Amino acid sequence: MEQNQTSLVLRIYLSNTDKYEEGLLYEHIVLKAKEENLSGATVLKGILGYGSSSVIHSYKFWELGEKLPVVIEIIDSEGKVMHFIERIKPTLDSVRYGCLVTTEKISIIHQKRGKKRGLG
C-alpha cells in the first residue's frame, strides 16, 4: 500500500468461541488474509460487548471459559478487500450465532515497513 492512498479497513465482529472446522474462526480468517497477500490483519479482543442477540458478554478474571467479542481488522486497497470479502462470505454465512462485517474508507498517512525476521 502507498502512503496517501485511499484504502479500506475491513472489520469483522465475531465471538472468540466461533469455530471453523476444528479451529477458531478468527484464526482461519487471518490465515486466509495472509494467503490472499493482504497487507495485514489484527485481532482485537473485547472485554465487554453484545450483538444482535442482546446477550452481554464480559471479561471476568475468575472465569476460565469466557465468551468475548473479537474484531478482526484488515487494511488494504479497496479492490483487494472487496475480493477478500467475496472469498470468505460463504464461511461468514455459516457462523451459527451471526457476525457483522463493515468497511470504512481510510487514508494511509504513514507506514513504515519492518525487516522480515529470520528463524535463526
N, C-alpha and C. Protein backbone atom coordinates (compact mmCIF):
# COMPACT_ATOMS: atom_id res chain seq x y z
N MET A 1 0.83 -1.18 0.00
CA MET A 1 0.00 0.00 0.00
C MET A 1 0.88 1.25 0.00
N GLU A 2 0.43 2.24 -0.68
CA GLU A 2 1.15 3.50 -0.77
C GLU A 2 0.59 4.49 0.24
N GLN A 3 1.47 5.37 0.75
CA GLN A 3 1.01 6.43 1.63
C GLN A 3 0.14 7.40 0.84
N ASN A 4 -0.77 8.04 1.53
CA ASN A 4 -1.74 8.97 0.94
C ASN A 4 -2.65 8.29 -0.07
N GLN A 5 -2.78 6.98 0.02
CA GLN A 5 -3.68 6.21 -0.85
C GLN A 5 -4.96 5.96 -0.07
N THR A 6 -6.10 6.08 -0.73
CA THR A 6 -7.36 5.74 -0.09
C THR A 6 -7.50 4.23 -0.09
N SER A 7 -7.74 3.69 1.07
CA SER A 7 -7.87 2.25 1.24
C SER A 7 -9.13 1.96 2.04
N LEU A 8 -9.35 0.67 2.30
CA LEU A 8 -10.48 0.27 3.13
C LEU A 8 -9.96 -0.46 4.36
N VAL A 9 -10.65 -0.25 5.48
CA VAL A 9 -10.44 -1.10 6.64
C VAL A 9 -11.67 -2.01 6.70
N LEU A 10 -11.42 -3.29 6.75
CA LEU A 10 -12.46 -4.29 6.88
C LEU A 10 -12.52 -4.69 8.35
N ARG A 11 -13.69 -4.65 8.93
CA ARG A 11 -13.87 -5.09 10.32
C ARG A 11 -14.89 -6.22 10.35
N ILE A 12 -14.49 -7.30 10.99
CA ILE A 12 -15.37 -8.45 11.15
C ILE A 12 -15.55 -8.68 12.64
N TYR A 13 -16.79 -8.57 13.10
CA TYR A 13 -17.13 -8.73 14.51
C TYR A 13 -17.65 -10.15 14.74
N LEU A 14 -16.99 -10.87 15.64
CA LEU A 14 -17.33 -12.27 15.93
C LEU A 14 -17.21 -12.51 17.43
N SER A 15 -17.38 -13.76 17.80
CA SER A 15 -17.10 -14.21 19.16
C SER A 15 -15.78 -14.98 19.14
N ASN A 16 -15.04 -14.90 20.22
CA ASN A 16 -13.77 -15.64 20.30
C ASN A 16 -14.00 -17.15 20.33
N THR A 17 -15.22 -17.59 20.51
CA THR A 17 -15.51 -19.03 20.55
C THR A 17 -16.06 -19.56 19.23
N ASP A 18 -16.29 -18.68 18.24
CA ASP A 18 -16.80 -19.15 16.94
C ASP A 18 -15.77 -20.07 16.30
N LYS A 19 -16.24 -21.18 15.79
CA LYS A 19 -15.37 -22.22 15.23
C LYS A 19 -15.48 -22.27 13.71
N TYR A 20 -14.39 -22.73 13.10
CA TYR A 20 -14.38 -23.10 11.69
C TYR A 20 -13.70 -24.45 11.61
N GLU A 21 -14.43 -25.46 11.19
CA GLU A 21 -13.96 -26.83 11.19
C GLU A 21 -13.43 -27.16 12.58
N GLU A 22 -12.17 -27.49 12.73
CA GLU A 22 -11.64 -27.88 14.05
C GLU A 22 -10.97 -26.73 14.80
N GLY A 23 -10.88 -25.55 14.17
CA GLY A 23 -10.16 -24.44 14.79
C GLY A 23 -11.06 -23.25 15.06
N LEU A 24 -10.43 -22.15 15.42
CA LEU A 24 -11.15 -20.91 15.71
C LEU A 24 -11.33 -20.10 14.42
N LEU A 25 -12.51 -19.52 14.28
CA LEU A 25 -12.85 -18.79 13.06
C LEU A 25 -11.93 -17.59 12.85
N TYR A 26 -11.63 -16.85 13.90
CA TYR A 26 -10.79 -15.66 13.70
C TYR A 26 -9.38 -16.05 13.22
N GLU A 27 -8.86 -17.19 13.68
CA GLU A 27 -7.57 -17.64 13.19
C GLU A 27 -7.66 -18.04 11.71
N HIS A 28 -8.73 -18.72 11.34
CA HIS A 28 -8.93 -19.12 9.95
C HIS A 28 -8.96 -17.89 9.03
N ILE A 29 -9.67 -16.85 9.44
CA ILE A 29 -9.80 -15.64 8.61
C ILE A 29 -8.44 -14.95 8.47
N VAL A 30 -7.68 -14.84 9.54
CA VAL A 30 -6.36 -14.21 9.46
C VAL A 30 -5.44 -15.01 8.54
N LEU A 31 -5.46 -16.33 8.65
CA LEU A 31 -4.63 -17.15 7.76
C LEU A 31 -5.05 -17.01 6.31
N LYS A 32 -6.37 -16.90 6.05
CA LYS A 32 -6.86 -16.67 4.68
C LYS A 32 -6.38 -15.31 4.17
N ALA A 33 -6.41 -14.29 5.02
CA ALA A 33 -5.94 -12.96 4.62
C ALA A 33 -4.46 -13.01 4.23
N LYS A 34 -3.68 -13.77 4.98
CA LYS A 34 -2.26 -13.93 4.66
C LYS A 34 -2.09 -14.64 3.33
N GLU A 35 -2.88 -15.71 3.11
CA GLU A 35 -2.84 -16.43 1.83
C GLU A 35 -3.17 -15.51 0.66
N GLU A 36 -4.13 -14.60 0.87
CA GLU A 36 -4.56 -13.67 -0.19
C GLU A 36 -3.60 -12.50 -0.34
N ASN A 37 -2.53 -12.49 0.48
CA ASN A 37 -1.50 -11.46 0.40
C ASN A 37 -2.02 -10.07 0.74
N LEU A 38 -2.96 -10.00 1.69
CA LEU A 38 -3.42 -8.71 2.17
C LEU A 38 -2.34 -8.10 3.06
N SER A 39 -2.34 -6.79 3.19
CA SER A 39 -1.25 -6.09 3.86
C SER A 39 -1.06 -6.49 5.32
N GLY A 40 -2.14 -6.79 6.02
CA GLY A 40 -2.02 -7.18 7.42
C GLY A 40 -3.37 -7.39 8.04
N ALA A 41 -3.38 -8.07 9.17
CA ALA A 41 -4.61 -8.34 9.90
C ALA A 41 -4.30 -8.31 11.39
N THR A 42 -5.23 -7.79 12.16
CA THR A 42 -5.11 -7.74 13.61
C THR A 42 -6.42 -8.22 14.22
N VAL A 43 -6.31 -9.05 15.26
CA VAL A 43 -7.50 -9.49 16.00
C VAL A 43 -7.48 -8.76 17.34
N LEU A 44 -8.56 -8.05 17.60
CA LEU A 44 -8.71 -7.30 18.85
C LEU A 44 -9.72 -8.02 19.74
N LYS A 45 -9.35 -8.27 20.98
CA LYS A 45 -10.23 -8.97 21.92
C LYS A 45 -10.94 -7.93 22.80
N GLY A 46 -12.27 -8.00 22.81
CA GLY A 46 -13.04 -7.08 23.62
C GLY A 46 -13.18 -7.57 25.06
N ILE A 47 -13.50 -6.64 25.95
CA ILE A 47 -13.72 -7.02 27.34
C ILE A 47 -15.20 -6.93 27.72
N LEU A 48 -16.00 -6.32 26.86
CA LEU A 48 -17.43 -6.20 27.11
C LEU A 48 -18.13 -5.92 25.79
N GLY A 49 -19.24 -6.59 25.54
CA GLY A 49 -19.97 -6.31 24.32
C GLY A 49 -21.22 -7.15 24.19
N TYR A 50 -22.06 -6.79 23.23
CA TYR A 50 -23.23 -7.59 22.87
C TYR A 50 -23.52 -7.38 21.41
N GLY A 51 -24.22 -8.32 20.83
CA GLY A 51 -24.56 -8.24 19.42
C GLY A 51 -26.06 -8.29 19.23
N SER A 52 -26.49 -8.84 18.11
CA SER A 52 -27.90 -8.85 17.76
C SER A 52 -28.73 -9.68 18.74
N SER A 53 -28.09 -10.60 19.47
CA SER A 53 -28.82 -11.41 20.46
C SER A 53 -29.12 -10.62 21.73
N SER A 54 -28.47 -9.49 21.92
CA SER A 54 -28.58 -8.64 23.10
C SER A 54 -28.07 -9.29 24.38
N VAL A 55 -27.36 -10.40 24.25
CA VAL A 55 -26.73 -11.03 25.41
C VAL A 55 -25.39 -10.35 25.64
N ILE A 56 -25.18 -9.86 26.86
CA ILE A 56 -23.93 -9.17 27.18
C ILE A 56 -22.88 -10.20 27.58
N HIS A 57 -21.71 -10.09 26.96
CA HIS A 57 -20.57 -10.94 27.28
C HIS A 57 -19.48 -10.04 27.83
N SER A 58 -18.91 -10.42 28.98
CA SER A 58 -17.88 -9.58 29.58
C SER A 58 -16.75 -10.42 30.12
N TYR A 59 -15.60 -9.78 30.29
CA TYR A 59 -14.42 -10.43 30.83
C TYR A 59 -14.47 -10.34 32.34
N LYS A 60 -14.35 -11.47 32.99
CA LYS A 60 -14.22 -11.52 34.43
C LYS A 60 -13.03 -12.42 34.71
N PHE A 61 -12.04 -11.89 35.41
CA PHE A 61 -10.77 -12.61 35.53
C PHE A 61 -10.90 -13.98 36.19
N TRP A 62 -11.98 -14.22 36.92
CA TRP A 62 -12.13 -15.52 37.59
C TRP A 62 -12.83 -16.55 36.71
N GLU A 63 -13.33 -16.17 35.56
CA GLU A 63 -13.99 -17.10 34.66
C GLU A 63 -12.99 -17.61 33.63
N LEU A 64 -12.89 -18.93 33.51
CA LEU A 64 -11.93 -19.51 32.58
C LEU A 64 -12.46 -19.58 31.15
N GLY A 65 -13.71 -19.90 30.98
CA GLY A 65 -14.26 -20.12 29.65
C GLY A 65 -15.11 -18.98 29.17
N GLU A 66 -14.60 -17.75 29.25
CA GLU A 66 -15.42 -16.61 28.87
C GLU A 66 -15.61 -16.52 27.36
N LYS A 67 -16.79 -16.10 26.98
CA LYS A 67 -17.12 -15.85 25.58
C LYS A 67 -17.03 -14.35 25.39
N LEU A 68 -16.09 -13.92 24.54
CA LEU A 68 -15.83 -12.49 24.38
C LEU A 68 -15.92 -12.07 22.93
N PRO A 69 -16.24 -10.79 22.72
CA PRO A 69 -16.25 -10.28 21.34
C PRO A 69 -14.83 -10.12 20.83
N VAL A 70 -14.65 -10.37 19.54
CA VAL A 70 -13.38 -10.09 18.86
C VAL A 70 -13.69 -9.32 17.58
N VAL A 71 -12.76 -8.50 17.19
CA VAL A 71 -12.86 -7.75 15.94
C VAL A 71 -11.59 -8.02 15.15
N ILE A 72 -11.77 -8.47 13.92
CA ILE A 72 -10.64 -8.64 13.01
C ILE A 72 -10.59 -7.40 12.14
N GLU A 73 -9.44 -6.74 12.10
CA GLU A 73 -9.26 -5.58 11.24
C GLU A 73 -8.24 -5.91 10.17
N ILE A 74 -8.61 -5.63 8.94
CA ILE A 74 -7.75 -5.86 7.79
C ILE A 74 -7.77 -4.59 6.95
N ILE A 75 -6.59 -4.10 6.59
CA ILE A 75 -6.50 -2.87 5.80
C ILE A 75 -5.74 -3.16 4.51
N ASP A 76 -6.34 -2.74 3.39
CA ASP A 76 -5.67 -2.86 2.10
C ASP A 76 -6.45 -2.02 1.10
N SER A 77 -6.08 -2.13 -0.17
CA SER A 77 -6.78 -1.38 -1.22
C SER A 77 -8.23 -1.86 -1.31
N GLU A 78 -9.07 -1.00 -1.83
CA GLU A 78 -10.50 -1.34 -1.93
C GLU A 78 -10.72 -2.62 -2.72
N GLY A 79 -10.03 -2.76 -3.84
CA GLY A 79 -10.21 -3.95 -4.68
C GLY A 79 -9.84 -5.23 -3.97
N LYS A 80 -8.69 -5.22 -3.27
CA LYS A 80 -8.26 -6.42 -2.57
C LYS A 80 -9.20 -6.77 -1.41
N VAL A 81 -9.66 -5.76 -0.69
CA VAL A 81 -10.56 -6.02 0.44
C VAL A 81 -11.89 -6.57 -0.05
N MET A 82 -12.45 -5.98 -1.10
CA MET A 82 -13.74 -6.45 -1.62
C MET A 82 -13.63 -7.88 -2.18
N HIS A 83 -12.52 -8.17 -2.83
CA HIS A 83 -12.29 -9.53 -3.33
C HIS A 83 -12.21 -10.52 -2.16
N PHE A 84 -11.52 -10.12 -1.09
CA PHE A 84 -11.39 -10.99 0.08
C PHE A 84 -12.75 -11.25 0.72
N ILE A 85 -13.57 -10.22 0.81
CA ILE A 85 -14.91 -10.40 1.39
C ILE A 85 -15.69 -11.44 0.60
N GLU A 86 -15.64 -11.36 -0.71
CA GLU A 86 -16.35 -12.33 -1.54
C GLU A 86 -15.82 -13.75 -1.33
N ARG A 87 -14.51 -13.88 -1.13
CA ARG A 87 -13.91 -15.20 -0.93
C ARG A 87 -14.32 -15.83 0.41
N ILE A 88 -14.48 -15.00 1.46
CA ILE A 88 -14.80 -15.57 2.77
C ILE A 88 -16.29 -15.50 3.11
N LYS A 89 -17.09 -14.92 2.23
CA LYS A 89 -18.53 -14.78 2.51
C LYS A 89 -19.21 -16.11 2.83
N PRO A 90 -18.94 -17.20 2.11
CA PRO A 90 -19.57 -18.48 2.48
C PRO A 90 -19.21 -18.92 3.91
N THR A 91 -17.99 -18.67 4.31
CA THR A 91 -17.57 -19.01 5.68
C THR A 91 -18.33 -18.15 6.68
N LEU A 92 -18.44 -16.86 6.41
CA LEU A 92 -19.16 -15.96 7.32
C LEU A 92 -20.64 -16.29 7.38
N ASP A 93 -21.23 -16.71 6.25
CA ASP A 93 -22.64 -17.09 6.23
C ASP A 93 -22.91 -18.31 7.10
N SER A 94 -21.89 -19.10 7.37
CA SER A 94 -22.08 -20.32 8.16
C SER A 94 -21.93 -20.09 9.67
N VAL A 95 -21.61 -18.87 10.09
CA VAL A 95 -21.45 -18.59 11.53
C VAL A 95 -22.79 -18.78 12.22
N ARG A 96 -22.81 -19.65 13.20
CA ARG A 96 -24.05 -20.07 13.85
C ARG A 96 -24.81 -18.92 14.52
N TYR A 97 -24.09 -18.09 15.26
CA TYR A 97 -24.76 -17.04 16.02
C TYR A 97 -24.63 -15.66 15.38
N GLY A 98 -24.15 -15.62 14.15
CA GLY A 98 -24.10 -14.37 13.41
C GLY A 98 -22.79 -13.63 13.58
N CYS A 99 -22.61 -12.67 12.70
CA CYS A 99 -21.43 -11.81 12.73
C CYS A 99 -21.81 -10.51 12.03
N LEU A 100 -20.93 -9.54 12.10
CA LEU A 100 -21.14 -8.27 11.44
C LEU A 100 -19.88 -7.93 10.67
N VAL A 101 -20.03 -7.49 9.43
CA VAL A 101 -18.89 -7.13 8.58
C VAL A 101 -19.11 -5.69 8.11
N THR A 102 -18.10 -4.86 8.33
CA THR A 102 -18.19 -3.47 7.89
C THR A 102 -16.91 -3.09 7.14
N THR A 103 -17.01 -2.06 6.31
CA THR A 103 -15.83 -1.46 5.69
C THR A 103 -15.92 0.04 5.91
N GLU A 104 -14.76 0.66 5.87
CA GLU A 104 -14.69 2.11 6.03
C GLU A 104 -13.51 2.61 5.21
N LYS A 105 -13.74 3.68 4.46
CA LYS A 105 -12.65 4.28 3.69
C LYS A 105 -11.71 5.00 4.66
N ILE A 106 -10.41 4.79 4.42
CA ILE A 106 -9.40 5.43 5.25
C ILE A 106 -8.29 5.96 4.37
N SER A 107 -7.48 6.84 4.92
CA SER A 107 -6.29 7.34 4.24
C SER A 107 -5.07 6.83 4.99
N ILE A 108 -4.15 6.24 4.28
CA ILE A 108 -2.89 5.80 4.88
C ILE A 108 -1.98 7.02 4.96
N ILE A 109 -1.67 7.47 6.15
CA ILE A 109 -0.86 8.66 6.36
C ILE A 109 0.62 8.30 6.44
N HIS A 110 0.92 7.21 7.14
CA HIS A 110 2.30 6.80 7.33
C HIS A 110 2.35 5.29 7.50
N GLN A 111 3.31 4.67 6.84
CA GLN A 111 3.53 3.23 7.01
C GLN A 111 5.01 2.97 6.89
N LYS A 112 5.58 2.42 7.95
CA LYS A 112 6.99 2.04 7.92
C LYS A 112 7.04 0.53 7.88
N ARG A 113 7.67 0.02 6.88
CA ARG A 113 7.79 -1.43 6.73
C ARG A 113 8.98 -1.91 7.56
N GLY A 114 8.74 -2.97 8.32
CA GLY A 114 9.80 -3.57 9.11
C GLY A 114 10.57 -4.59 8.30
N LYS A 115 11.71 -4.97 8.81
CA LYS A 115 12.52 -6.01 8.18
C LYS A 115 11.91 -7.34 8.53
N LYS A 116 11.97 -8.28 7.59
CA LYS A 116 11.48 -9.62 7.86
C LYS A 116 12.44 -10.29 8.84
N ARG A 117 11.85 -10.98 9.80
CA ARG A 117 12.65 -11.67 10.79
C ARG A 117 12.97 -13.08 10.33
N GLY A 118 14.20 -13.49 10.55
CA GLY A 118 14.62 -14.84 10.22
C GLY A 118 14.32 -15.77 11.38
N LEU A 119 14.49 -17.04 11.14
CA LEU A 119 14.25 -18.03 12.18
C LEU A 119 15.45 -18.21 13.09
N GLY A 120 16.60 -17.73 12.73
CA GLY A 120 17.81 -18.00 13.50
C GLY A 120 18.34 -16.88 14.26
